[in-house]
Amino acid sequence: MRDVYTVTDELAGRFDAVNLGRGVPDFGGPPPLHAAAARAVHDGPHQYVASEGTRELRAALAEHYAGAYDPDTEITVTAGATEALRCALASVLAPGDGVLILEPCYDAYPPLVQSCGGRPVPVPLRREGDRYVLDPADLPAAGARALLLNAPHNPTGWMPGEAELAALAEFAVRHDLVVVADEVYEQLWYGEPHRSVATLPGMRARTIVCSSASKTLSVCGWRVGWALAPAHLTAALRDVHRFTTFCAPAPLQSAVAAGLRWAGETGWFAAQRAEYAVRRGLLLDALEVAGWSPARPAGAFFVLARTPVTGDDPFEANDRLVRSRGVAGLPMTTFHSRPERAAGLLRFAFCKRLPVMEDAHRRLTGSLVKGDV
């Protein structure tokens, strides 16, 4: 079966559409990061480094997280956040253990859970007005070992409010769950700042935070991620990591260390958020003018929108949108455990250069090429 990303890429290419289906920036991060990478590739290291990551990067990460984690016993560098997530899950799950996943979810989560012997247990995020919310009543009474919590959330842009986050923490403590927190979009929020679930009472000891340079520094292809956890959880995770990839790309670890420090010193994260906020506004306005119903994301760089046609097949809706407006989104079928729940839903990414987003805005708000949306 061909994946939804390839189908979307081919459709957009065939009609020369602006492709907002891929959640990947079309730019390469800040120039000082490139310079640091060039130096590292020239000077090394070129061979294996410590499996848990270079001391340089672990120290930079300890600074990045304001000393909340010990670089020697609580920080592990991985080959991207996906590896961090898999190592975290593999280190805590026994065969058949249930893992709560907020749905719609990034479509890698269920296979990751299953590859570690776990059993995905979907928990719905429900749309209310122009945003998504979590109803704590939807959390199951029992039968789970872990919670896979993605916030800021892909694809809805949901960020838990204070009450939602407290409810999740209380539930995790009451049911003795390990929380695997995917926080790759931690620097991308529009309003209230991101707060990690690990900071709530009783949560640090049971939470593995996973993140990476991919979204933080806009270098998805570098594959440098990390896992932050108390020492007892880190020890088990490192055992899995050692026999999975052994270590992340060595020279790029040095570059990411330099990039994190540079970004923290210059205020680059805030500048990046401001740029994304402009692109978010363009996309929301364009979708509304085009007759779609977008949810307003509080974080990440996606907008989830409903087609004007009730019960619409998302692939057909995307095909019509590409043909009539010259813009492609991503059908949400693989982001739901039951594909029918994705009826009429497309995800649009605004992690593109401003001229690209302005072009998408013109196409979505202009005259129809032919047909209807």
Protein backbone atom coordinates (compact mmCIF):
# COMPACT_ATOMS: atom_id res chain seq x y z
CA MET A 1 0.00 0.00 0.00
CA ARG A 2 1.44 3.40 -1.00
CA ASP A 3 1.75 5.88 1.80
CA VAL A 4 -0.36 9.02 1.91
CA TYR A 5 2.70 11.28 1.66
CA THR A 6 3.83 9.77 -1.65
CA VAL A 7 0.30 9.96 -3.06
CA THR A 8 0.10 13.63 -2.08
CA ASP A 9 3.54 14.46 -3.49
CA GLU A 10 2.70 12.85 -6.80
CA LEU A 11 -0.68 14.61 -7.02
CA ALA A 12 0.86 17.99 -6.24
CA GLY A 13 3.66 17.42 -8.74
CA ARG A 14 1.29 16.39 -11.50
CA PHE A 15 -0.68 19.64 -11.26
CA ASP A 16 2.18 21.95 -10.20
CA ALA A 17 0.39 22.64 -6.91
CA VAL A 18 1.77 24.27 -3.79
CA ASN A 19 2.37 21.22 -1.59
CA LEU A 20 1.41 21.93 2.03
CA GLY A 21 1.00 18.23 2.73
CA ARG A 22 4.53 17.56 3.91
CA GLY A 23 5.33 18.73 7.45
CA VAL A 24 8.92 19.57 6.55
CA PRO A 25 10.40 23.08 6.32
CA ASP A 26 11.53 24.09 2.83
CA PHE A 27 14.52 25.97 4.28
CA GLY A 28 17.61 24.75 6.08
CA GLY A 29 17.77 26.39 9.47
CA PRO A 30 19.87 29.42 10.49
CA PRO A 31 23.21 30.11 8.72
CA PRO A 32 25.30 29.90 11.94
CA LEU A 33 24.12 26.31 12.24
CA HIS A 34 25.40 25.57 8.72
CA ALA A 35 28.76 27.10 9.59
CA ALA A 36 29.03 24.98 12.73
CA ALA A 37 28.21 21.85 10.71
CA ALA A 38 30.86 22.70 8.11
CA ARG A 39 33.49 23.09 10.83
CA ALA A 40 32.46 19.83 12.45
CA VAL A 41 32.54 17.90 9.17
CA HIS A 42 36.05 19.24 8.51
CA ASP A 43 37.48 18.84 12.02
CA GLY A 44 35.54 15.82 13.29
CA PRO A 45 34.68 13.74 15.17
CA HIS A 46 34.36 11.30 12.28
CA GLN A 47 34.14 7.99 14.16
CA TYR A 48 31.87 6.59 16.84
CA VAL A 49 31.33 8.74 19.90
CA ALA A 50 29.86 7.72 23.24
CA SER A 51 26.55 5.95 22.71
CA GLU A 52 24.73 8.36 25.03
CA GLY A 53 25.97 11.32 22.98
CA THR A 54 28.93 13.66 23.05
CA ARG A 55 29.58 15.42 26.30
CA GLU A 56 29.46 18.70 24.34
CA LEU A 57 25.87 18.18 23.17
CA ARG A 58 24.64 16.75 26.46
CA ALA A 59 26.05 19.79 28.24
CA ALA A 60 24.37 22.12 25.71
CA LEU A 61 21.08 20.30 26.23
CA ALA A 62 21.40 20.62 30.00
CA GLU A 63 21.78 24.39 29.50
CA HIS A 64 18.89 24.45 27.00
CA TYR A 65 16.60 22.89 29.61
CA ALA A 66 17.82 25.24 32.36
CA GLY A 67 19.59 22.55 34.37
CA ALA A 68 16.50 20.38 34.80
CA TYR A 69 18.39 17.25 33.69
CA ASP A 70 21.83 15.91 34.53
CA PRO A 71 23.95 15.56 31.37
CA ASP A 72 25.70 12.43 32.64
CA THR A 73 22.76 10.35 33.88
CA GLU A 74 19.56 11.88 32.46
CA ILE A 75 20.22 12.96 28.84
CA THR A 76 20.63 10.59 25.89
CA VAL A 77 21.31 11.70 22.32
CA THR A 78 19.53 9.61 19.66
CA ALA A 79 19.18 9.41 15.88
CA GLY A 80 16.20 11.73 15.79
CA ALA A 81 13.14 11.93 18.03
CA THR A 82 11.63 8.85 16.36
CA GLU A 83 14.46 6.71 17.69
CA ALA A 84 14.11 8.35 21.10
CA LEU A 85 10.42 7.45 21.12
CA ARG A 86 11.05 3.87 20.08
CA CYS A 87 13.80 3.36 22.65
CA ALA A 88 11.59 4.88 25.33
CA LEU A 89 8.67 2.62 24.47
CA ALA A 90 10.82 -0.50 24.15
CA SER A 91 12.41 0.17 27.54
CA VAL A 92 9.10 0.34 29.45
CA LEU A 93 6.65 -1.96 27.63
CA ALA A 94 5.96 -5.64 28.11
CA PRO A 95 4.11 -7.63 25.42
CA GLY A 96 0.45 -6.62 25.30
CA ASP A 97 0.80 -3.46 27.38
CA GLY A 98 -1.67 -0.75 26.41
CA VAL A 99 -0.39 2.66 25.33
CA LEU A 100 -2.77 5.62 25.31
CA ILE A 101 -2.43 7.76 22.19
CA LEU A 102 -4.34 11.02 21.64
CA GLU A 103 -6.10 10.83 18.29
CA PRO A 104 -5.83 11.99 15.55
CA CYS A 105 -2.16 11.16 15.98
CA TYR A 106 1.08 11.29 14.03
CA ASP A 107 0.79 8.12 11.97
CA ALA A 108 4.12 6.65 13.14
CA TYR A 109 2.87 6.21 16.70
CA PRO A 110 0.75 3.03 16.38
CA PRO A 111 3.46 1.13 14.42
CA LEU A 112 6.09 2.27 16.93
CA VAL A 113 3.99 0.98 19.82
CA GLN A 114 3.28 -2.30 18.05
CA SER A 115 6.94 -2.81 17.14
CA CYS A 116 7.71 -2.70 20.87
CA GLY A 117 5.02 -5.26 21.70
CA GLY A 118 2.51 -2.70 22.88
CA ARG A 119 -1.14 -2.20 22.08
CA PRO A 120 -2.32 1.25 20.87
CA VAL A 121 -5.34 2.57 22.79
CA PRO A 122 -6.79 5.65 21.02
CA VAL A 123 -8.12 8.54 23.10
CA PRO A 124 -9.99 11.19 21.09
CA LEU A 125 -9.21 14.86 20.92
CA ARG A 126 -12.54 16.50 20.13
CA ARG A 127 -13.08 19.65 18.15
CA GLU A 128 -15.02 22.40 19.90
CA GLY A 129 -15.49 25.53 17.82
CA ASP A 130 -12.15 26.38 16.21
CA ARG A 131 -9.93 24.30 18.51
CA TYR A 132 -9.39 20.79 19.79
CA VAL A 133 -9.79 19.82 23.44
CA LEU A 134 -9.26 16.77 25.63
CA ASP A 135 -12.14 15.52 27.75
CA PRO A 136 -10.61 13.64 30.72
CA ALA A 137 -13.73 11.46 30.73
CA ASP A 138 -12.44 9.89 27.51
CA LEU A 139 -9.38 8.48 29.31
CA PRO A 140 -9.96 4.75 29.98
CA ALA A 141 -10.41 3.54 33.54
CA ALA A 142 -7.66 0.91 33.38
CA GLY A 143 -5.59 -1.36 31.17
CA ALA A 144 -2.66 0.82 30.10
CA ARG A 145 1.02 0.92 30.97
CA ALA A 146 2.00 4.17 29.25
CA LEU A 147 0.74 7.42 27.78
CA LEU A 148 2.28 8.66 24.53
CA LEU A 149 1.66 12.39 24.79
CA ASN A 150 2.41 14.69 21.86
CA ALA A 151 2.21 18.38 22.75
CA PRO A 152 2.32 20.73 20.92
CA HIS A 153 0.29 18.33 18.87
CA ASN A 154 0.54 17.04 15.32
CA PRO A 155 -1.84 17.34 13.46
CA THR A 156 -4.33 19.45 15.46
CA GLY A 157 -2.04 22.11 16.93
CA TRP A 158 -3.55 21.30 20.35
CA MET A 159 -1.67 22.43 23.43
CA PRO A 160 -3.10 21.27 26.74
CA GLY A 161 -4.48 24.01 28.91
CA GLU A 162 -3.68 24.06 32.61
CA ALA A 163 -6.72 21.95 33.52
CA GLU A 164 -6.09 19.42 30.74
CA LEU A 165 -2.42 19.03 31.67
CA ALA A 166 -3.27 18.64 35.36
CA ALA A 167 -5.89 16.01 34.52
CA LEU A 168 -3.38 14.04 32.45
CA ALA A 169 -0.79 14.21 35.22
CA GLU A 170 -3.29 13.14 37.88
CA PHE A 171 -4.43 10.25 35.68
CA ALA A 172 -0.84 9.11 35.09
CA VAL A 173 -0.03 9.16 38.80
CA ARG A 174 -3.27 7.43 39.78
CA HIS A 175 -2.76 4.61 37.26
CA ASP A 176 1.04 4.45 37.63
CA LEU A 177 1.66 5.20 33.96
CA VAL A 178 4.96 6.04 32.33
CA VAL A 179 4.53 9.08 30.10
CA VAL A 180 6.50 9.22 26.85
CA ALA A 181 6.23 12.89 25.91
CA ASP A 182 6.93 13.81 22.28
CA GLU A 183 7.79 17.52 22.54
CA VAL A 184 9.51 18.09 19.19
CA TYR A 185 7.41 21.24 18.64
CA GLU A 186 8.32 22.64 22.08
CA GLN A 187 9.57 25.94 20.63
CA LEU A 188 6.53 26.49 18.40
CA TRP A 189 3.60 28.02 20.27
CA TYR A 190 1.37 31.03 19.64
CA GLY A 191 0.09 32.44 22.91
CA GLU A 192 0.68 30.56 26.15
CA PRO A 193 4.17 28.98 26.24
CA HIS A 194 4.63 25.25 26.07
CA ARG A 195 4.86 23.54 29.45
CA SER A 196 6.22 20.02 29.69
CA VAL A 197 4.11 17.48 31.56
CA ALA A 198 7.34 16.48 33.33
CA THR A 199 7.21 19.73 35.35
CA LEU A 200 3.95 18.87 37.11
CA PRO A 201 3.94 17.36 40.62
CA GLY A 202 4.79 13.67 40.63
CA MET A 203 5.58 13.58 36.90
CA ARG A 204 9.34 13.97 36.54
CA ALA A 205 9.98 10.49 37.94
CA ARG A 206 7.64 8.85 35.41
CA THR A 207 8.21 10.91 32.24
CA ILE A 208 10.57 10.46 29.30
CA VAL A 209 10.70 13.66 27.23
CA CYS A 210 11.68 13.19 23.57
CA SER A 211 12.67 16.02 21.25
CA SER A 212 15.12 16.83 18.48
CA ALA A 213 16.85 19.41 16.35
CA SER A 214 14.46 18.63 13.48
CA LYS A 215 11.77 21.17 14.38
CA THR A 216 13.73 23.14 16.99
CA LEU A 217 16.42 24.16 14.48
CA SER A 218 14.64 23.27 11.18
CA VAL A 219 17.01 20.46 10.19
CA CYS A 220 14.77 17.39 9.87
CA GLY A 221 17.34 15.47 7.83
CA TRP A 222 20.13 15.71 10.38
CA ARG A 223 18.60 13.05 12.62
CA VAL A 224 19.83 14.35 15.96
CA GLY A 225 17.35 13.87 18.77
CA TRP A 226 17.37 13.32 22.50
CA ALA A 227 15.58 11.75 25.43
CA LEU A 228 15.39 13.37 28.88
CA ALA A 229 14.44 11.21 31.85
CA PRO A 230 15.32 10.41 35.45
CA ALA A 231 18.35 8.15 35.87
CA HIS A 232 16.42 4.89 36.37
CA LEU A 233 14.45 5.37 33.15
CA THR A 234 17.50 6.66 31.28
CA ALA A 235 19.55 3.56 32.13
CA ALA A 236 16.97 1.24 30.55
CA LEU A 237 16.53 3.52 27.53
CA ARG A 238 20.28 3.68 26.92
CA ASP A 239 20.46 -0.13 26.89
CA VAL A 240 17.95 -0.16 24.02
CA HIS A 241 19.59 2.75 22.21
CA ARG A 242 23.03 1.13 22.36
CA PHE A 243 21.81 -1.82 20.30
CA THR A 244 19.58 0.19 17.97
CA THR A 245 21.76 2.89 16.37
CA PHE A 246 24.58 3.03 18.95
CA CYS A 247 25.10 6.75 18.39
CA ALA A 248 23.68 9.69 16.46
CA PRO A 249 25.71 11.32 13.63
CA ALA A 250 28.89 12.44 15.39
CA PRO A 251 29.85 15.71 13.62
CA LEU A 252 26.23 16.90 13.59
CA GLN A 253 26.08 16.52 17.37
CA SER A 254 28.75 19.21 17.60
CA ALA A 255 26.82 21.43 15.19
CA VAL A 256 23.56 21.04 17.14
CA ALA A 257 25.34 21.89 20.38
CA ALA A 258 26.64 25.11 18.81
CA GLY A 259 23.24 25.83 17.24
CA LEU A 260 21.31 25.46 20.49
CA ARG A 261 23.67 27.80 22.29
CA TRP A 262 23.57 30.35 19.45
CA ALA A 263 19.76 30.23 19.28
CA GLY A 264 19.43 30.67 23.02
CA GLU A 265 21.83 33.62 23.09
CA THR A 266 20.31 35.49 20.12
CA GLY A 267 16.58 35.00 20.74
CA TRP A 268 16.24 33.02 17.52
CA PHE A 269 13.45 30.80 18.88
CA ALA A 270 11.21 33.82 19.49
CA ALA A 271 12.01 35.18 16.03
CA GLN A 272 11.13 31.83 14.48
CA ARG A 273 7.80 31.77 16.34
CA ALA A 274 7.00 35.26 15.08
CA GLU A 275 7.66 34.24 11.47
CA TYR A 276 5.53 31.13 11.81
CA ALA A 277 2.71 33.15 13.36
CA VAL A 278 2.54 35.28 10.20
CA ARG A 279 2.39 32.17 8.00
CA ARG A 280 -0.23 30.62 10.25
CA GLY A 281 -2.38 33.73 9.84
CA LEU A 282 -2.07 33.61 6.05
CA LEU A 283 -3.12 29.97 5.95
CA LEU A 284 -6.05 30.35 8.33
CA ASP A 285 -7.36 33.34 6.37
CA ALA A 286 -6.97 31.57 3.02
CA LEU A 287 -8.74 28.39 4.13
CA GLU A 288 -11.65 30.36 5.57
CA VAL A 289 -12.03 32.38 2.36
CA ALA A 290 -11.92 29.14 0.35
CA GLY A 291 -14.87 27.82 2.34
CA TRP A 292 -13.00 25.36 4.54
CA SER A 293 -13.31 25.18 8.34
CA PRO A 294 -9.84 25.37 9.90
CA ALA A 295 -9.03 24.74 13.53
CA ARG A 296 -6.80 27.41 15.03
CA PRO A 297 -3.56 25.78 16.23
CA ALA A 298 -2.02 26.89 19.51
CA GLY A 299 1.26 25.19 18.64
CA ALA A 300 3.31 23.25 16.05
CA PHE A 301 3.05 24.25 12.35
CA PHE A 302 -0.10 22.57 11.06
CA VAL A 303 -3.69 23.55 10.44
CA LEU A 304 -6.32 20.81 10.39
CA ALA A 305 -9.30 21.82 8.27
CA ARG A 306 -12.65 20.36 7.26
CA THR A 307 -13.80 20.34 3.65
CA PRO A 308 -17.05 22.18 2.85
CA VAL A 309 -18.64 18.85 1.82
CA THR A 310 -20.10 16.86 4.72
CA GLY A 311 -18.67 13.35 5.01
CA ASP A 312 -16.23 14.02 2.16
CA ASP A 313 -13.62 11.42 1.28
CA PRO A 314 -10.35 13.21 2.15
CA PHE A 315 -8.48 11.88 -0.89
CA GLU A 316 -11.23 13.09 -3.22
CA ALA A 317 -11.33 16.42 -1.41
CA ASN A 318 -7.59 16.84 -1.80
CA ASP A 319 -7.79 15.92 -5.48
CA ARG A 320 -10.47 18.57 -6.05
CA LEU A 321 -8.51 21.15 -4.11
CA VAL A 322 -5.37 20.52 -6.14
CA ARG A 323 -7.24 20.69 -9.45
CA SER A 324 -9.35 23.74 -8.60
CA ARG A 325 -7.03 25.82 -6.41
CA GLY A 326 -3.55 24.45 -7.03
CA VAL A 327 -2.87 23.68 -3.35
CA ALA A 328 -2.37 20.26 -1.73
CA GLY A 329 -3.01 19.21 1.85
CA LEU A 330 -2.62 15.80 3.48
CA PRO A 331 -5.59 13.41 3.90
CA MET A 332 -5.92 12.35 7.53
CA THR A 333 -6.87 8.69 7.06
CA THR A 334 -3.67 7.23 8.55
CA PHE A 335 -3.85 9.59 11.53
CA HIS A 336 -6.98 7.80 12.80
CA SER A 337 -7.44 4.22 14.02
CA ARG A 338 -10.71 4.17 12.09
CA PRO A 339 -10.29 5.87 8.67
CA GLU A 340 -13.94 6.94 8.52
CA ARG A 341 -13.21 9.38 11.36
CA ALA A 342 -11.00 11.29 8.93
CA ALA A 343 -13.91 12.15 6.65
CA GLY A 344 -13.47 15.65 5.25
CA LEU A 345 -10.18 16.32 7.08
CA LEU A 346 -6.95 17.58 5.53
CA ARG A 347 -3.80 18.78 7.26
CA PHE A 348 -1.94 21.81 5.89
CA ALA A 349 1.65 22.66 6.92
CA PHE A 350 2.77 26.28 7.16
CA CYS A 351 6.48 25.50 7.71
CA LYS A 352 7.29 26.92 4.29
CA ARG A 353 9.05 30.06 3.09
CA LEU A 354 6.89 33.18 3.21
CA PRO A 355 6.66 33.55 -0.63
CA VAL A 356 5.35 29.97 -0.80
CA MET A 357 2.69 30.70 1.82
CA GLU A 358 1.75 33.93 0.02
CA ASP A 359 1.39 31.96 -3.21
CA ALA A 360 -0.84 29.42 -1.45
CA HIS A 361 -2.91 32.31 -0.06
CA ARG A 362 -3.39 33.79 -3.54
CA ARG A 363 -4.41 30.45 -4.99
CA LEU A 364 -6.87 29.62 -2.20
CA THR A 365 -8.48 33.05 -2.18
CA GLY A 366 -8.46 33.69 -5.93
CA SER A 367 -10.68 32.57 -8.75
CA LEU A 368 -11.23 28.87 -9.25
CA VAL A 369 -9.13 27.20 -11.92
CA LYS A 370 -12.03 24.92 -12.74
CA GLY A 371 -14.69 23.00 -10.92
CA ASP A 372 -15.39 23.47 -7.22
CA VAL A 373 -13.63 22.79 -3.93
